[in-house]
Amino acid sequence: MRHKGKTMDEIEGRDRGKRKGVSIDERLKDNPILRARIESIIEIAENEDGSIEKADDAEQRAIEELRKLGSELLHAWAERQQQRKSDEQQQGETPGRPKAFWCGSRNDMSRNCTYKMAV
């Protein structure tokens, strides 16, 4: 969506990083479950078969689909996070990420604890 020549990402100050310039259609090809749920939401809006006669019914169905979308989105996110963490562990620790080293017991919070940057 454009607003006075700017994209929503520019307006909101977001950077899509690696996926910048990739259409939403192409991104949804990589996420078939999310694509199916979004198509279901669009079908509610279009109501081509006329099965939804009341606004309350349309709202209820939309809410149900959005809840399912949220659940599926979080599931997909968790799988990606798990894969990312697994990849990081296989490659060693991520450079530049601080790693805390314990000293003493859990109750001993002395100032002798040191932190080391992972290499």
C-alpha atoms as a PDB file:
ATOM      1  CA  MET A   1       0.000   0.000   0.000  1.00  0.00           C
ATOM      2  CA  ARG A   2       1.327   3.432  -0.880  1.00  0.00           C
ATOM      3  CA  HIS A   3       0.709   6.665   0.950  1.00  0.00           C
ATOM      4  CA  LYS A   4       1.879   9.846  -0.784  1.00  0.00           C
ATOM      5  CA  GLY A   5       4.534   7.902  -2.689  1.00  0.00           C
ATOM      6  CA  LYS A   6       5.751   5.873   0.304  1.00  0.00           C
ATOM      7  CA  THR A   7       5.308   2.200   1.110  1.00  0.00           C
ATOM      8  CA  MET A   8       3.913   1.104   4.486  1.00  0.00           C
ATOM      9  CA  ASP A   9       7.382  -0.145   5.419  1.00  0.00           C
ATOM     10  CA  GLU A  10       8.809   3.334   4.788  1.00  0.00           C
ATOM     11  CA  ILE A  11       5.999   5.010   6.728  1.00  0.00           C
ATOM     12  CA  GLU A  12       6.397   2.676   9.706  1.00  0.00           C
ATOM     13  CA  GLY A  13      10.193   2.638   9.505  1.00  0.00           C
ATOM     14  CA  ARG A  14      10.416  -1.095   8.904  1.00  0.00           C
ATOM     15  CA  ASP A  15      13.047  -2.915   6.913  1.00  0.00           C
ATOM     16  CA  ARG A  16      12.041  -6.323   5.598  1.00  0.00           C
ATOM     17  CA  GLY A  17      15.709  -7.240   5.234  1.00  0.00           C
ATOM     18  CA  LYS A  18      16.339 -10.245   3.008  1.00  0.00           C
ATOM     19  CA  ARG A  19      12.752 -10.371   1.747  1.00  0.00           C
ATOM     20  CA  LYS A  20      12.671  -6.739   0.612  1.00  0.00           C
ATOM     21  CA  GLY A  21      11.359  -6.492  -2.921  1.00  0.00           C
ATOM     22  CA  VAL A  22       9.731  -9.944  -2.840  1.00  0.00           C
ATOM     23  CA  SER A  23       5.997  -9.835  -3.542  1.00  0.00           C
ATOM     24  CA  ILE A  24       3.537 -11.054  -0.950  1.00  0.00           C
ATOM     25  CA  ASP A  25       2.397 -13.703  -3.432  1.00  0.00           C
ATOM     26  CA  GLU A  26       5.905 -15.115  -3.648  1.00  0.00           C
ATOM     27  CA  ARG A  27       6.306 -14.996   0.122  1.00  0.00           C
ATOM     28  CA  LEU A  28       3.022 -16.866   0.581  1.00  0.00           C
ATOM     29  CA  LYS A  29       4.246 -19.566  -1.830  1.00  0.00           C
ATOM     30  CA  ASP A  30       6.874 -20.303   0.830  1.00  0.00           C
ATOM     31  CA  ASN A  31       4.120 -20.474   3.486  1.00  0.00           C
ATOM     32  CA  PRO A  32       1.280 -22.634   2.096  1.00  0.00           C
ATOM     33  CA  ILE A  33      -0.519 -22.929   5.437  1.00  0.00           C
ATOM     34  CA  LEU A  34      -0.641 -19.156   5.898  1.00  0.00           C
ATOM     35  CA  ARG A  35      -1.652 -18.760   2.254  1.00  0.00           C
ATOM     36  CA  ALA A  36      -4.625 -21.122   2.719  1.00  0.00           C
ATOM     37  CA  ARG A  37      -5.781 -19.267   5.842  1.00  0.00           C
ATOM     38  CA  ILE A  38      -5.559 -15.866   4.123  1.00  0.00           C
ATOM     39  CA  GLU A  39      -7.518 -17.250   1.174  1.00  0.00           C
ATOM     40  CA  SER A  40     -10.210 -18.385   3.631  1.00  0.00           C
ATOM     41  CA  ILE A  41     -10.404 -14.860   5.039  1.00  0.00           C
ATOM     42  CA  ILE A  42     -10.726 -13.405   1.535  1.00  0.00           C
ATOM     43  CA  GLU A  43     -13.521 -15.893   0.761  1.00  0.00           C
ATOM     44  CA  ILE A  44     -15.439 -14.594   3.772  1.00  0.00           C
ATOM     45  CA  ALA A  45     -15.058 -11.026   2.489  1.00  0.00           C
ATOM     46  CA  GLU A  46     -16.133 -11.968  -1.048  1.00  0.00           C
ATOM     47  CA  ASN A  47     -19.023 -14.227   0.091  1.00  0.00           C
ATOM     48  CA  GLU A  48     -19.491 -15.421  -3.490  1.00  0.00           C
ATOM     49  CA  ASP A  49     -21.778 -18.299  -2.529  1.00  0.00           C
ATOM     50  CA  GLY A  50     -24.022 -16.005  -0.457  1.00  0.00           C
ATOM     51  CA  SER A  51     -23.814 -18.301   2.565  1.00  0.00           C
ATOM     52  CA  ILE A  52     -23.156 -15.412   4.963  1.00  0.00           C
ATOM     53  CA  GLU A  53     -26.288 -13.283   5.272  1.00  0.00           C
ATOM     54  CA  LYS A  54     -25.661 -11.313   8.473  1.00  0.00           C
ATOM     55  CA  ALA A  55     -22.800  -9.054   9.479  1.00  0.00           C
ATOM     56  CA  ASP A  56     -22.622 -10.856  12.839  1.00  0.00           C
ATOM     57  CA  ASP A  57     -22.052 -14.167  11.042  1.00  0.00           C
ATOM     58  CA  ALA A  58     -19.351 -12.656   8.822  1.00  0.00           C
ATOM     59  CA  GLU A  59     -17.678 -11.138  11.866  1.00  0.00           C
ATOM     60  CA  GLN A  60     -17.767 -14.423  13.791  1.00  0.00           C
ATOM     61  CA  ARG A  61     -16.297 -16.385  10.878  1.00  0.00           C
ATOM     62  CA  ALA A  62     -13.624 -13.731  10.337  1.00  0.00           C
ATOM     63  CA  ILE A  63     -12.665 -13.834  14.023  1.00  0.00           C
ATOM     64  CA  GLU A  64     -12.412 -17.640  13.914  1.00  0.00           C
ATOM     65  CA  GLU A  65     -10.198 -17.495  10.826  1.00  0.00           C
ATOM     66  CA  LEU A  66      -7.990 -14.794  12.345  1.00  0.00           C
ATOM     67  CA  ARG A  67      -7.526 -16.863  15.501  1.00  0.00           C
ATOM     68  CA  LYS A  68      -6.536 -19.847  13.388  1.00  0.00           C
ATOM     69  CA  LEU A  69      -4.203 -17.615  11.361  1.00  0.00           C
ATOM     70  CA  GLY A  70      -2.566 -16.357  14.550  1.00  0.00           C
ATOM     71  CA  SER A  71      -2.097 -19.876  15.854  1.00  0.00           C
ATOM     72  CA  GLU A  72      -0.634 -21.111  12.570  1.00  0.00           C
ATOM     73  CA  LEU A  73       1.581 -18.052  12.293  1.00  0.00           C
ATOM     74  CA  LEU A  74       3.022 -18.617  15.778  1.00  0.00           C
ATOM     75  CA  HIS A  75       3.545 -22.297  15.028  1.00  0.00           C
ATOM     76  CA  ALA A  76       5.435 -21.458  11.817  1.00  0.00           C
ATOM     77  CA  TRP A  77       7.449 -18.814  13.680  1.00  0.00           C
ATOM     78  CA  ALA A  78       8.378 -21.296  16.431  1.00  0.00           C
ATOM     79  CA  GLU A  79       9.510 -23.870  13.878  1.00  0.00           C
ATOM     80  CA  ARG A  80      11.727 -21.282  12.164  1.00  0.00           C
ATOM     81  CA  GLN A  81      13.172 -20.170  15.494  1.00  0.00           C
ATOM     82  CA  GLN A  82      13.903 -23.761  16.461  1.00  0.00           C
ATOM     83  CA  GLN A  83      15.602 -24.375  13.112  1.00  0.00           C
ATOM     84  CA  ARG A  84      17.618 -21.154  13.445  1.00  0.00           C
ATOM     85  CA  LYS A  85      18.784 -22.115  16.939  1.00  0.00           C
ATOM     86  CA  SER A  86      19.668 -25.598  15.756  1.00  0.00           C
ATOM     87  CA  ASP A  87      21.667 -24.155  12.853  1.00  0.00           C
ATOM     88  CA  GLU A  88      23.482 -21.790  15.235  1.00  0.00           C
ATOM     89  CA  GLN A  89      24.399 -24.661  17.540  1.00  0.00           C
ATOM     90  CA  GLN A  90      25.736 -26.706  14.642  1.00  0.00           C
ATOM     91  CA  GLN A  91      27.870 -23.770  13.467  1.00  0.00           C
ATOM     92  CA  GLY A  92      29.031 -22.838  16.952  1.00  0.00           C
ATOM     93  CA  GLU A  93      27.969 -19.816  18.899  1.00  0.00           C
ATOM     94  CA  THR A  94      26.811 -16.686  17.122  1.00  0.00           C
ATOM     95  CA  PRO A  95      29.595 -14.077  16.891  1.00  0.00           C
ATOM     96  CA  GLY A  96      29.089 -10.937  18.918  1.00  0.00           C
ATOM     97  CA  ARG A  97      26.487 -12.423  21.231  1.00  0.00           C
ATOM     98  CA  PRO A  98      27.447 -12.077  24.902  1.00  0.00           C
ATOM     99  CA  LYS A  99      27.699 -15.328  26.821  1.00  0.00           C
ATOM    100  CA  ALA A 100      27.445 -15.202  30.617  1.00  0.00           C
ATOM    101  CA  PHE A 101      29.660 -17.454  32.705  1.00  0.00           C
ATOM    102  CA  TRP A 102      28.439 -18.390  36.175  1.00  0.00           C
ATOM    103  CA  CYS A 103      30.585 -17.956  39.220  1.00  0.00           C
ATOM    104  CA  GLY A 104      29.705 -19.133  42.681  1.00  0.00           C
ATOM    105  CA  SER A 105      26.313 -20.440  43.718  1.00  0.00           C
ATOM    106  CA  ARG A 106      22.950 -19.224  42.531  1.00  0.00           C
ATOM    107  CA  ASN A 107      22.581 -17.201  45.737  1.00  0.00           C
ATOM    108  CA  ASP A 108      26.095 -15.744  45.447  1.00  0.00           C
ATOM    109  CA  MET A 109      25.774 -12.821  43.080  1.00  0.00           C
ATOM    110  CA  SER A 110      29.295 -11.519  43.649  1.00  0.00           C
ATOM    111  CA  ARG A 111      30.847  -9.048  41.263  1.00  0.00           C
ATOM    112  CA  ASN A 112      33.507 -11.592  40.291  1.00  0.00           C
ATOM    113  CA  CYS A 113      31.311 -12.953  37.509  1.00  0.00           C
ATOM    114  CA  THR A 114      32.725 -12.286  34.071  1.00  0.00           C
ATOM    115  CA  TYR A 115      31.184 -12.065  30.655  1.00  0.00           C
ATOM    116  CA  LYS A 116      32.879 -13.149  27.495  1.00  0.00           C
ATOM    117  CA  MET A 117      31.940 -12.335  23.931  1.00  0.00           C
ATOM    118  CA  ALA A 118      31.298 -15.465  21.912  1.00  0.00           C
ATOM    119  CA  VAL A 119      33.722 -15.918  19.033  1.00  0.00           C
END
